[in-house]
Amino acid sequence: MSLIFLLPMIAITMGLYLVTLGLWELRTGMDRSRFITYMFSGLFLIFVVAGILAFGSSLFSVYM
């Protein structure tokens, strides 16, 4: 199994971690800009990066 097939799962895991950190930051209420940064980065990783990587890995499997 190649690393290219694991990249979308890694991106989703990192995105979920950042979303969790953002929610924790919102709970503590210390730094609102850090909450926005964590949430935006996590959601970007989950929806955009993981989607691009999944599409790329599916194209890669077709050409093999």
C-alpha atoms as a PDB file:
ATOM      1  CA  MET A   1       0.000   0.000   0.000  1.00  0.00           C
ATOM      2  CA  SER A   2       1.424   3.288  -1.053  1.00  0.00           C
ATOM      3  CA  LEU A   3       1.603   6.432   1.020  1.00  0.00           C
ATOM      4  CA  ILE A   4      -0.560   8.311  -1.485  1.00  0.00           C
ATOM      5  CA  PHE A   5      -3.601   6.312  -0.360  1.00  0.00           C
ATOM      6  CA  LEU A   6      -2.979   7.177   3.306  1.00  0.00           C
ATOM      7  CA  LEU A   7      -2.659  10.938   2.769  1.00  0.00           C
ATOM      8  CA  PRO A   8      -6.432  11.688   2.770  1.00  0.00           C
ATOM      9  CA  MET A   9      -6.851   9.804   6.055  1.00  0.00           C
ATOM     10  CA  ILE A  10      -3.922  11.682   7.580  1.00  0.00           C
ATOM     11  CA  ALA A  11      -5.394  15.017   6.437  1.00  0.00           C
ATOM     12  CA  ILE A  12      -8.798  14.152   7.927  1.00  0.00           C
ATOM     13  CA  THR A  13      -7.206  13.081  11.220  1.00  0.00           C
ATOM     14  CA  MET A  14      -5.180  16.275  11.469  1.00  0.00           C
ATOM     15  CA  GLY A  15      -8.270  18.312  10.573  1.00  0.00           C
ATOM     16  CA  LEU A  16     -10.339  16.652  13.280  1.00  0.00           C
ATOM     17  CA  TYR A  17      -7.569  17.318  15.780  1.00  0.00           C
ATOM     18  CA  LEU A  18      -7.495  21.013  14.865  1.00  0.00           C
ATOM     19  CA  VAL A  19     -11.292  21.278  15.080  1.00  0.00           C
ATOM     20  CA  THR A  20     -11.146  19.679  18.525  1.00  0.00           C
ATOM     21  CA  LEU A  21      -8.474  22.162  19.610  1.00  0.00           C
ATOM     22  CA  GLY A  22     -10.647  24.982  18.288  1.00  0.00           C
ATOM     23  CA  LEU A  23     -13.654  23.790  20.245  1.00  0.00           C
ATOM     24  CA  TRP A  24     -11.526  23.500  23.368  1.00  0.00           C
ATOM     25  CA  GLU A  25     -10.245  27.029  22.833  1.00  0.00           C
ATOM     26  CA  LEU A  26     -13.833  28.252  22.475  1.00  0.00           C
ATOM     27  CA  ARG A  27     -14.715  26.462  25.718  1.00  0.00           C
ATOM     28  CA  THR A  28     -11.915  28.105  27.665  1.00  0.00           C
ATOM     29  CA  GLY A  29     -12.690  31.473  26.089  1.00  0.00           C
ATOM     30  CA  MET A  30      -9.150  32.817  26.242  1.00  0.00           C
ATOM     31  CA  ASP A  31      -8.237  33.660  22.661  1.00  0.00           C
ATOM     32  CA  ARG A  32     -10.944  34.019  20.028  1.00  0.00           C
ATOM     33  CA  SER A  33      -8.512  34.503  17.139  1.00  0.00           C
ATOM     34  CA  ARG A  34      -6.861  31.170  17.970  1.00  0.00           C
ATOM     35  CA  PHE A  35     -10.308  29.518  17.866  1.00  0.00           C
ATOM     36  CA  ILE A  36     -10.937  30.933  14.389  1.00  0.00           C
ATOM     37  CA  THR A  37      -7.484  29.847  13.207  1.00  0.00           C
ATOM     38  CA  TYR A  38      -7.893  26.282  14.487  1.00  0.00           C
ATOM     39  CA  MET A  39     -11.405  25.888  13.109  1.00  0.00           C
ATOM     40  CA  PHE A  40     -10.598  27.328   9.679  1.00  0.00           C
ATOM     41  CA  SER A  41      -7.440  25.231   9.361  1.00  0.00           C
ATOM     42  CA  GLY A  42      -9.193  22.054  10.507  1.00  0.00           C
ATOM     43  CA  LEU A  43     -12.190  22.470   8.228  1.00  0.00           C
ATOM     44  CA  PHE A  44      -9.919  23.348   5.308  1.00  0.00           C
ATOM     45  CA  LEU A  45      -7.931  20.144   5.883  1.00  0.00           C
ATOM     46  CA  ILE A  46     -11.059  18.021   6.194  1.00  0.00           C
ATOM     47  CA  PHE A  47     -13.017  19.291   3.214  1.00  0.00           C
ATOM     48  CA  VAL A  48     -10.544  20.772   0.740  1.00  0.00           C
ATOM     49  CA  VAL A  49      -7.193  19.050   1.210  1.00  0.00           C
ATOM     50  CA  ALA A  50      -8.627  15.592   1.895  1.00  0.00           C
ATOM     51  CA  GLY A  51     -10.931  15.913  -1.107  1.00  0.00           C
ATOM     52  CA  ILE A  52      -8.092  16.917  -3.411  1.00  0.00           C
ATOM     53  CA  LEU A  53      -5.868  14.129  -2.111  1.00  0.00           C
ATOM     54  CA  ALA A  54      -8.631  11.521  -2.429  1.00  0.00           C
ATOM     55  CA  PHE A  55      -9.343  12.622  -5.984  1.00  0.00           C
ATOM     56  CA  GLY A  56      -5.627  12.510  -6.815  1.00  0.00           C
ATOM     57  CA  SER A  57      -5.147   9.064  -5.328  1.00  0.00           C
ATOM     58  CA  SER A  58      -8.164   7.750  -7.253  1.00  0.00           C
ATOM     59  CA  LEU A  59      -6.662   9.119 -10.476  1.00  0.00           C
ATOM     60  CA  PHE A  60      -3.353   7.526  -9.575  1.00  0.00           C
ATOM     61  CA  SER A  61      -5.005   4.112  -9.120  1.00  0.00           C
ATOM     62  CA  VAL A  62      -6.658   4.347 -12.560  1.00  0.00           C
ATOM     63  CA  TYR A  63      -3.328   4.933 -14.302  1.00  0.00           C
ATOM     64  CA  MET A  64      -1.519   2.094 -12.539  1.00  0.00           C
END
